[in-house]
Amino acid sequence: GNVVGSNIYNILGIGGTTALIAPSDLPPEILGFDAPL
């Protein structure tokens, strides 16, 4: 639960807050390879 909760918080909480403060486009390499991996 600690590992899963930490991952969810890092992806949604930190990633979302960062996107609200400084929106930017994701590189296609991340969307095509890193995210599915």
PDB file of all heavy atoms in Angstrom:
ATOM      1  N   GLY A   1       0.813  -1.213   0.000  1.00  0.00           N
ATOM      2  CA  GLY A   1       0.000   0.000   0.000  1.00  0.00           C
ATOM      3  C   GLY A   1       0.844   1.261   0.000  1.00  0.00           C
ATOM      4  O   GLY A   1       0.496   2.253  -0.644  1.00  0.00           O
ATOM      5  N   ASN A   2       1.956   1.235   0.699  1.00  0.00           N
ATOM      6  CA  ASN A   2       2.859   2.378   0.740  1.00  0.00           C
ATOM      7  C   ASN A   2       3.458   2.650  -0.629  1.00  0.00           C
ATOM      8  O   ASN A   2       3.506   3.789  -1.093  1.00  0.00           O
ATOM      9  CB  ASN A   2       3.952   2.127   1.769  1.00  0.00           C
ATOM     10  CG  ASN A   2       4.773   3.363   2.050  1.00  0.00           C
ATOM     11  OD1 ASN A   2       4.399   4.467   1.684  1.00  0.00           O
ATOM     12  ND2 ASN A   2       5.890   3.175   2.717  1.00  0.00           N
ATOM     13  N   VAL A   3       3.897   1.603  -1.318  1.00  0.00           N
ATOM     14  CA  VAL A   3       4.502   1.760  -2.639  1.00  0.00           C
ATOM     15  C   VAL A   3       3.467   2.240  -3.646  1.00  0.00           C
ATOM     16  O   VAL A   3       3.701   3.195  -4.394  1.00  0.00           O
ATOM     17  CB  VAL A   3       5.152   0.436  -3.102  1.00  0.00           C
ATOM     18  CG1 VAL A   3       5.535   0.494  -4.559  1.00  0.00           C
ATOM     19  CG2 VAL A   3       6.360   0.117  -2.243  1.00  0.00           C
ATOM     20  N   VAL A   4       2.312   1.598  -3.670  1.00  0.00           N
ATOM     21  CA  VAL A   4       1.262   1.975  -4.627  1.00  0.00           C
ATOM     22  C   VAL A   4       0.760   3.388  -4.342  1.00  0.00           C
ATOM     23  O   VAL A   4       0.603   4.202  -5.253  1.00  0.00           O
ATOM     24  CB  VAL A   4       0.120   0.946  -4.609  1.00  0.00           C
ATOM     25  CG1 VAL A   4      -1.069   1.423  -5.424  1.00  0.00           C
ATOM     26  CG2 VAL A   4       0.603  -0.394  -5.117  1.00  0.00           C
ATOM     27  N   GLY A   5       0.526   3.704  -3.090  1.00  0.00           N
ATOM     28  CA  GLY A   5       0.060   5.046  -2.727  1.00  0.00           C
ATOM     29  C   GLY A   5       1.072   6.122  -3.072  1.00  0.00           C
ATOM     30  O   GLY A   5       0.713   7.197  -3.552  1.00  0.00           O
ATOM     31  N   SER A   6       2.335   5.836  -2.852  1.00  0.00           N
ATOM     32  CA  SER A   6       3.382   6.787  -3.189  1.00  0.00           C
ATOM     33  C   SER A   6       3.441   7.021  -4.696  1.00  0.00           C
ATOM     34  O   SER A   6       3.583   8.168  -5.147  1.00  0.00           O
ATOM     35  CB  SER A   6       4.733   6.268  -2.691  1.00  0.00           C
ATOM     36  OG  SER A   6       5.779   7.089  -3.129  1.00  0.00           O
ATOM     37  N   ASN A   7       3.320   5.956  -5.481  1.00  0.00           N
ATOM     38  CA  ASN A   7       3.342   6.105  -6.937  1.00  0.00           C
ATOM     39  C   ASN A   7       2.146   6.913  -7.425  1.00  0.00           C
ATOM     40  O   ASN A   7       2.290   7.787  -8.283  1.00  0.00           O
ATOM     41  CB  ASN A   7       3.378   4.743  -7.625  1.00  0.00           C
ATOM     42  CG  ASN A   7       4.717   4.069  -7.494  1.00  0.00           C
ATOM     43  OD1 ASN A   7       5.722   4.708  -7.229  1.00  0.00           O
ATOM     44  ND2 ASN A   7       4.733   2.771  -7.668  1.00  0.00           N
ATOM     45  N   ILE A   8       0.977   6.626  -6.901  1.00  0.00           N
ATOM     46  CA  ILE A   8      -0.217   7.365  -7.311  1.00  0.00           C
ATOM     47  C   ILE A   8      -0.074   8.835  -6.949  1.00  0.00           C
ATOM     48  O   ILE A   8      -0.377   9.723  -7.748  1.00  0.00           O
ATOM     49  CB  ILE A   8      -1.474   6.748  -6.675  1.00  0.00           C
ATOM     50  CG1 ILE A   8      -1.757   5.379  -7.297  1.00  0.00           C
ATOM     51  CG2 ILE A   8      -2.682   7.666  -6.842  1.00  0.00           C
ATOM     52  CD1 ILE A   8      -2.839   4.603  -6.601  1.00  0.00           C
ATOM     53  N   TYR A   9       0.398   9.117  -5.751  1.00  0.00           N
ATOM     54  CA  TYR A   9       0.563  10.513  -5.333  1.00  0.00           C
ATOM     55  C   TYR A   9       1.594  11.224  -6.201  1.00  0.00           C
ATOM     56  O   TYR A   9       1.374  12.368  -6.624  1.00  0.00           O
ATOM     57  CB  TYR A   9       0.975  10.590  -3.863  1.00  0.00           C
ATOM     58  CG  TYR A   9       1.255  12.002  -3.429  1.00  0.00           C
ATOM     59  CD1 TYR A   9       0.218  12.899  -3.225  1.00  0.00           C
ATOM     60  CD2 TYR A   9       2.555  12.456  -3.268  1.00  0.00           C
ATOM     61  CE1 TYR A   9       0.466  14.204  -2.847  1.00  0.00           C
ATOM     62  CE2 TYR A   9       2.814  13.757  -2.895  1.00  0.00           C
ATOM     63  CZ  TYR A   9       1.769  14.626  -2.680  1.00  0.00           C
ATOM     64  OH  TYR A   9       2.023  15.918  -2.324  1.00  0.00           O
ATOM     65  N   ASN A  10       2.713  10.567  -6.479  1.00  0.00           N
ATOM     66  CA  ASN A  10       3.750  11.212  -7.292  1.00  0.00           C
ATOM     67  C   ASN A  10       3.264  11.500  -8.700  1.00  0.00           C
ATOM     68  O   ASN A  10       3.540  12.566  -9.250  1.00  0.00           O
ATOM     69  CB  ASN A  10       5.011  10.346  -7.340  1.00  0.00           C
ATOM     70  CG  ASN A  10       5.786  10.412  -6.058  1.00  0.00           C
ATOM     71  OD1 ASN A  10       5.727  11.390  -5.327  1.00  0.00           O
ATOM     72  ND2 ASN A  10       6.504   9.353  -5.758  1.00  0.00           N
ATOM     73  N   ILE A  11       2.538  10.569  -9.293  1.00  0.00           N
ATOM     74  CA  ILE A  11       2.068  10.772 -10.658  1.00  0.00           C
ATOM     75  C   ILE A  11       0.967  11.824 -10.712  1.00  0.00           C
ATOM     76  O   ILE A  11       1.025  12.765 -11.500  1.00  0.00           O
ATOM     77  CB  ILE A  11       1.588   9.445 -11.265  1.00  0.00           C
ATOM     78  CG1 ILE A  11       2.775   8.506 -11.477  1.00  0.00           C
ATOM     79  CG2 ILE A  11       0.867   9.676 -12.589  1.00  0.00           C
ATOM     80  CD1 ILE A  11       2.374   7.094 -11.814  1.00  0.00           C
ATOM     81  N   LEU A  12      -0.040  11.669  -9.870  1.00  0.00           N
ATOM     82  CA  LEU A  12      -1.192  12.568  -9.942  1.00  0.00           C
ATOM     83  C   LEU A  12      -0.986  13.866  -9.170  1.00  0.00           C
ATOM     84  O   LEU A  12      -1.300  14.945  -9.677  1.00  0.00           O
ATOM     85  CB  LEU A  12      -2.442  11.842  -9.438  1.00  0.00           C
ATOM     86  CG  LEU A  12      -2.854  10.606 -10.231  1.00  0.00           C
ATOM     87  CD1 LEU A  12      -4.070   9.951  -9.583  1.00  0.00           C
ATOM     88  CD2 LEU A  12      -3.125  10.944 -11.671  1.00  0.00           C
ATOM     89  N   GLY A  13      -0.488  13.767  -7.963  1.00  0.00           N
ATOM     90  CA  GLY A  13      -0.338  14.960  -7.135  1.00  0.00           C
ATOM     91  C   GLY A  13       0.781  15.875  -7.597  1.00  0.00           C
ATOM     92  O   GLY A  13       0.559  17.056  -7.900  1.00  0.00           O
ATOM     93  N   ILE A  14       1.985  15.354  -7.665  1.00  0.00           N
ATOM     94  CA  ILE A  14       3.135  16.165  -8.054  1.00  0.00           C
ATOM     95  C   ILE A  14       3.056  16.529  -9.531  1.00  0.00           C
ATOM     96  O   ILE A  14       3.284  17.680  -9.921  1.00  0.00           O
ATOM     97  CB  ILE A  14       4.453  15.434  -7.729  1.00  0.00           C
ATOM     98  CG1 ILE A  14       4.538  15.094  -6.244  1.00  0.00           C
ATOM     99  CG2 ILE A  14       5.645  16.257  -8.170  1.00  0.00           C
ATOM    100  CD1 ILE A  14       4.450  16.286  -5.319  1.00  0.00           C
ATOM    101  N   GLY A  15       2.744  15.540 -10.378  1.00  0.00           N
ATOM    102  CA  GLY A  15       2.635  15.817 -11.815  1.00  0.00           C
ATOM    103  C   GLY A  15       1.536  16.815 -12.125  1.00  0.00           C
ATOM    104  O   GLY A  15       1.709  17.719 -12.945  1.00  0.00           O
ATOM    105  N   GLY A  16       0.387  16.674 -11.479  1.00  0.00           N
ATOM    106  CA  GLY A  16      -0.717  17.606 -11.697  1.00  0.00           C
ATOM    107  C   GLY A  16      -0.419  19.003 -11.211  1.00  0.00           C
ATOM    108  O   GLY A  16      -0.735  19.996 -11.879  1.00  0.00           O
ATOM    109  N   THR A  17       0.203  19.119 -10.054  1.00  0.00           N
ATOM    110  CA  THR A  17       0.557  20.436  -9.525  1.00  0.00           C
ATOM    111  C   THR A  17       1.579  21.119 -10.422  1.00  0.00           C
ATOM    112  O   THR A  17       1.470  22.318 -10.704  1.00  0.00           O
ATOM    113  CB  THR A  17       1.120  20.295  -8.095  1.00  0.00           C
ATOM    114  OG1 THR A  17       0.140  19.649  -7.283  1.00  0.00           O
ATOM    115  CG2 THR A  17       1.468  21.639  -7.510  1.00  0.00           C
ATOM    116  N   THR A  18       2.550  20.359 -10.881  1.00  0.00           N
ATOM    117  CA  THR A  18       3.543  20.920 -11.794  1.00  0.00           C
ATOM    118  C   THR A  18       2.900  21.391 -13.084  1.00  0.00           C
ATOM    119  O   THR A  18       3.234  22.466 -13.608  1.00  0.00           O
ATOM    120  CB  THR A  18       4.626  19.871 -12.098  1.00  0.00           C
ATOM    121  OG1 THR A  18       5.213  19.455 -10.869  1.00  0.00           O
ATOM    122  CG2 THR A  18       5.694  20.424 -13.004  1.00  0.00           C
ATOM    123  N   ALA A  19       1.961  20.621 -13.613  1.00  0.00           N
ATOM    124  CA  ALA A  19       1.278  21.006 -14.852  1.00  0.00           C
ATOM    125  C   ALA A  19       0.421  22.246 -14.654  1.00  0.00           C
ATOM    126  O   ALA A  19       0.273  23.059 -15.573  1.00  0.00           O
ATOM    127  CB  ALA A  19       0.420  19.858 -15.360  1.00  0.00           C
ATOM    128  N   LEU A  20      -0.144  22.426 -13.450  1.00  0.00           N
ATOM    129  CA  LEU A  20      -0.928  23.635 -13.176  1.00  0.00           C
ATOM    130  C   LEU A  20      -0.039  24.869 -13.103  1.00  0.00           C
ATOM    131  O   LEU A  20      -0.417  25.945 -13.560  1.00  0.00           O
ATOM    132  CB  LEU A  20      -1.701  23.484 -11.869  1.00  0.00           C
ATOM    133  CG  LEU A  20      -2.928  22.583 -11.916  1.00  0.00           C
ATOM    134  CD1 LEU A  20      -3.493  22.405 -10.510  1.00  0.00           C
ATOM    135  CD2 LEU A  20      -3.986  23.155 -12.835  1.00  0.00           C
ATOM    136  N   ILE A  21       1.128  24.728 -12.526  1.00  0.00           N
ATOM    137  CA  ILE A  21       2.029  25.873 -12.354  1.00  0.00           C
ATOM    138  C   ILE A  21       2.730  26.227 -13.657  1.00  0.00           C
ATOM    139  O   ILE A  21       2.815  27.392 -14.027  1.00  0.00           O
ATOM    140  CB  ILE A  21       3.057  25.572 -11.242  1.00  0.00           C
ATOM    141  CG1 ILE A  21       2.331  25.450  -9.901  1.00  0.00           C
ATOM    142  CG2 ILE A  21       4.128  26.639 -11.177  1.00  0.00           C
ATOM    143  CD1 ILE A  21       3.198  24.958  -8.779  1.00  0.00           C
ATOM    144  N   ALA A  22       3.269  25.242 -14.346  1.00  0.00           N
ATOM    145  CA  ALA A  22       4.034  25.492 -15.569  1.00  0.00           C
ATOM    146  C   ALA A  22       3.634  24.482 -16.643  1.00  0.00           C
ATOM    147  O   ALA A  22       4.312  23.478 -16.833  1.00  0.00           O
ATOM    148  CB  ALA A  22       5.533  25.397 -15.286  1.00  0.00           C
ATOM    149  N   PRO A  23       2.521  24.728 -17.339  1.00  0.00           N
ATOM    150  CA  PRO A  23       2.091  23.775 -18.367  1.00  0.00           C
ATOM    151  C   PRO A  23       3.113  23.671 -19.500  1.00  0.00           C
ATOM    152  O   PRO A  23       3.738  24.652 -19.873  1.00  0.00           O
ATOM    153  CB  PRO A  23       0.784  24.351 -18.885  1.00  0.00           C
ATOM    154  CG  PRO A  23       0.524  25.603 -18.147  1.00  0.00           C
ATOM    155  CD  PRO A  23       1.648  25.865 -17.217  1.00  0.00           C
ATOM    156  N   SER A  24       3.288  22.464 -19.992  1.00  0.00           N
ATOM    157  CA  SER A  24       4.199  22.234 -21.107  1.00  0.00           C
ATOM    158  C   SER A  24       3.744  20.992 -21.861  1.00  0.00           C
ATOM    159  O   SER A  24       2.938  20.215 -21.374  1.00  0.00           O
ATOM    160  CB  SER A  24       5.633  22.063 -20.613  1.00  0.00           C
ATOM    161  OG  SER A  24       5.735  20.916 -19.824  1.00  0.00           O
ATOM    162  N   ASP A  25       4.276  20.819 -23.064  1.00  0.00           N
ATOM    163  CA  ASP A  25       3.966  19.648 -23.865  1.00  0.00           C
ATOM    164  C   ASP A  25       4.901  18.504 -23.499  1.00  0.00           C
ATOM    165  O   ASP A  25       6.073  18.721 -23.185  1.00  0.00           O
ATOM    166  CB  ASP A  25       4.109  19.962 -25.349  1.00  0.00           C
ATOM    167  CG  ASP A  25       3.088  20.989 -25.814  1.00  0.00           C
ATOM    168  OD1 ASP A  25       1.982  21.010 -25.244  1.00  0.00           O
ATOM    169  OD2 ASP A  25       3.398  21.759 -26.751  1.00  0.00           O
ATOM    170  N   LEU A  26       4.376  17.290 -23.547  1.00  0.00           N
ATOM    171  CA  LEU A  26       5.213  16.121 -23.311  1.00  0.00           C
ATOM    172  C   LEU A  26       5.883  15.711 -24.616  1.00  0.00           C
ATOM    173  O   LEU A  26       5.251  15.707 -25.667  1.00  0.00           O
ATOM    174  CB  LEU A  26       4.371  14.951 -22.806  1.00  0.00           C
ATOM    175  CG  LEU A  26       3.893  15.043 -21.366  1.00  0.00           C
ATOM    176  CD1 LEU A  26       2.978  13.877 -21.050  1.00  0.00           C
ATOM    177  CD2 LEU A  26       5.063  15.063 -20.413  1.00  0.00           C
ATOM    178  N   PRO A  27       7.156  15.357 -24.550  1.00  0.00           N
ATOM    179  CA  PRO A  27       7.828  14.881 -25.755  1.00  0.00           C
ATOM    180  C   PRO A  27       7.183  13.580 -26.254  1.00  0.00           C
ATOM    181  O   PRO A  27       6.713  12.771 -25.454  1.00  0.00           O
ATOM    182  CB  PRO A  27       9.265  14.625 -25.299  1.00  0.00           C
ATOM    183  CG  PRO A  27       9.421  15.372 -24.031  1.00  0.00           C
ATOM    184  CD  PRO A  27       8.068  15.466 -23.415  1.00  0.00           C
ATOM    185  N   PRO A  28       7.169  13.366 -27.555  1.00  0.00           N
ATOM    186  CA  PRO A  28       6.558  12.146 -28.094  1.00  0.00           C
ATOM    187  C   PRO A  28       7.246  10.863 -27.626  1.00  0.00           C
ATOM    188  O   PRO A  28       6.626   9.813 -27.574  1.00  0.00           O
ATOM    189  CB  PRO A  28       6.676  12.292 -29.606  1.00  0.00           C
ATOM    190  CG  PRO A  28       7.252  13.626 -29.879  1.00  0.00           C
ATOM    191  CD  PRO A  28       7.617  14.267 -28.586  1.00  0.00           C
ATOM    192  N   GLU A  29       8.533  10.936 -27.267  1.00  0.00           N
ATOM    193  CA  GLU A  29       9.241   9.758 -26.778  1.00  0.00           C
ATOM    194  C   GLU A  29       8.636   9.262 -25.471  1.00  0.00           C
ATOM    195  O   GLU A  29       8.556   8.060 -25.233  1.00  0.00           O
ATOM    196  CB  GLU A  29      10.733  10.063 -26.559  1.00  0.00           C
ATOM    197  CG  GLU A  29      11.500  10.412 -27.811  1.00  0.00           C
ATOM    198  CD  GLU A  29      11.388  11.882 -28.173  1.00  0.00           C
ATOM    199  OE1 GLU A  29      11.020  12.707 -27.322  1.00  0.00           O
ATOM    200  OE2 GLU A  29      11.660  12.194 -29.348  1.00  0.00           O
ATOM    201  N   ILE A  30       8.238  10.201 -24.618  1.00  0.00           N
ATOM    202  CA  ILE A  30       7.638   9.818 -23.338  1.00  0.00           C
ATOM    203  C   ILE A  30       6.270   9.187 -23.569  1.00  0.00           C
ATOM    204  O   ILE A  30       5.943   8.155 -22.985  1.00  0.00           O
ATOM    205  CB  ILE A  30       7.546  11.030 -22.392  1.00  0.00           C
ATOM    206  CG1 ILE A  30       8.946  11.441 -21.953  1.00  0.00           C
ATOM    207  CG2 ILE A  30       6.679  10.710 -21.183  1.00  0.00           C
ATOM    208  CD1 ILE A  30       8.995  12.675 -21.088  1.00  0.00           C
ATOM    209  N   LEU A  31       5.478   9.798 -24.425  1.00  0.00           N
ATOM    210  CA  LEU A  31       4.141   9.277 -24.682  1.00  0.00           C
ATOM    211  C   LEU A  31       4.173   7.959 -25.449  1.00  0.00           C
ATOM    212  O   LEU A  31       3.296   7.109 -25.267  1.00  0.00           O
ATOM    213  CB  LEU A  31       3.317  10.301 -25.461  1.00  0.00           C
ATOM    214  CG  LEU A  31       2.970  11.573 -24.701  1.00  0.00           C
ATOM    215  CD1 LEU A  31       2.262  12.564 -25.612  1.00  0.00           C
ATOM    216  CD2 LEU A  31       2.111  11.262 -23.499  1.00  0.00           C
ATOM    217  N   GLY A  32       5.160   7.771 -26.295  1.00  0.00           N
ATOM    218  CA  GLY A  32       5.209   6.573 -27.123  1.00  0.00           C
ATOM    219  C   GLY A  32       5.933   5.396 -26.504  1.00  0.00           C
ATOM    220  O   GLY A  32       5.657   4.250 -26.843  1.00  0.00           O
ATOM    221  N   PHE A  33       6.866   5.644 -25.577  1.00  0.00           N
ATOM    222  CA  PHE A  33       7.669   4.543 -25.035  1.00  0.00           C
ATOM    223  C   PHE A  33       7.634   4.498 -23.511  1.00  0.00           C
ATOM    224  O   PHE A  33       7.295   3.465 -22.929  1.00  0.00           O
ATOM    225  CB  PHE A  33       9.112   4.662 -25.520  1.00  0.00           C
ATOM    226  CG  PHE A  33      10.008   3.568 -25.003  1.00  0.00           C
ATOM    227  CD1 PHE A  33       9.872   2.268 -25.455  1.00  0.00           C
ATOM    228  CD2 PHE A  33      10.979   3.848 -24.049  1.00  0.00           C
ATOM    229  CE1 PHE A  33      10.687   1.256 -24.973  1.00  0.00           C
ATOM    230  CE2 PHE A  33      11.795   2.840 -23.563  1.00  0.00           C
ATOM    231  CZ  PHE A  33      11.650   1.554 -24.030  1.00  0.00           C
ATOM    232  N   ASP A  34       7.979   5.592 -22.861  1.00  0.00           N
ATOM    233  CA  ASP A  34       8.134   5.587 -21.408  1.00  0.00           C
ATOM    234  C   ASP A  34       6.813   5.367 -20.667  1.00  0.00           C
ATOM    235  O   ASP A  34       6.767   4.569 -19.726  1.00  0.00           O
ATOM    236  CB  ASP A  34       8.765   6.901 -20.939  1.00  0.00           C
ATOM    237  CG  ASP A  34      10.202   7.048 -21.417  1.00  0.00           C
ATOM    238  OD1 ASP A  34      10.845   6.020 -21.657  1.00  0.00           O
ATOM    239  OD2 ASP A  34      10.672   8.184 -21.559  1.00  0.00           O
ATOM    240  N   ALA A  35       5.756   6.046 -21.071  1.00  0.00           N
ATOM    241  CA  ALA A  35       4.476   5.909 -20.372  1.00  0.00           C
ATOM    242  C   ALA A  35       3.899   4.498 -20.515  1.00  0.00           C
ATOM    243  O   ALA A  35       3.501   3.900 -19.504  1.00  0.00           O
ATOM    244  CB  ALA A  35       3.492   6.962 -20.856  1.00  0.00           C
ATOM    245  N   PRO A  36       3.852   3.918 -21.719  1.00  0.00           N
ATOM    246  CA  PRO A  36       3.361   2.537 -21.811  1.00  0.00           C
ATOM    247  C   PRO A  36       4.242   1.535 -21.053  1.00  0.00           C
ATOM    248  O   PRO A  36       3.742   0.584 -20.467  1.00  0.00           O
ATOM    249  CB  PRO A  36       3.376   2.232 -23.305  1.00  0.00           C
ATOM    250  CG  PRO A  36       3.309   3.552 -23.967  1.00  0.00           C
ATOM    251  CD  PRO A  36       4.032   4.498 -23.059  1.00  0.00           C
ATOM    252  N   LEU A  37       5.549   1.778 -21.063  1.00  0.00           N
ATOM    253  CA  LEU A  37       6.449   0.902 -20.320  1.00  0.00           C
ATOM    254  C   LEU A  37       6.175   0.990 -18.821  1.00  0.00           C
ATOM    255  O   LEU A  37       6.172  -0.031 -18.121  1.00  0.00           O
ATOM    256  CB  LEU A  37       7.900   1.247 -20.625  1.00  0.00           C
ATOM    257  CG  LEU A  37       8.939   0.361 -19.962  1.00  0.00           C
ATOM    258  CD1 LEU A  37       8.850  -1.062 -20.505  1.00  0.00           C
ATOM    259  CD2 LEU A  37      10.324   0.924 -20.172  1.00  0.00           C
TER     260      LEU A  37
END
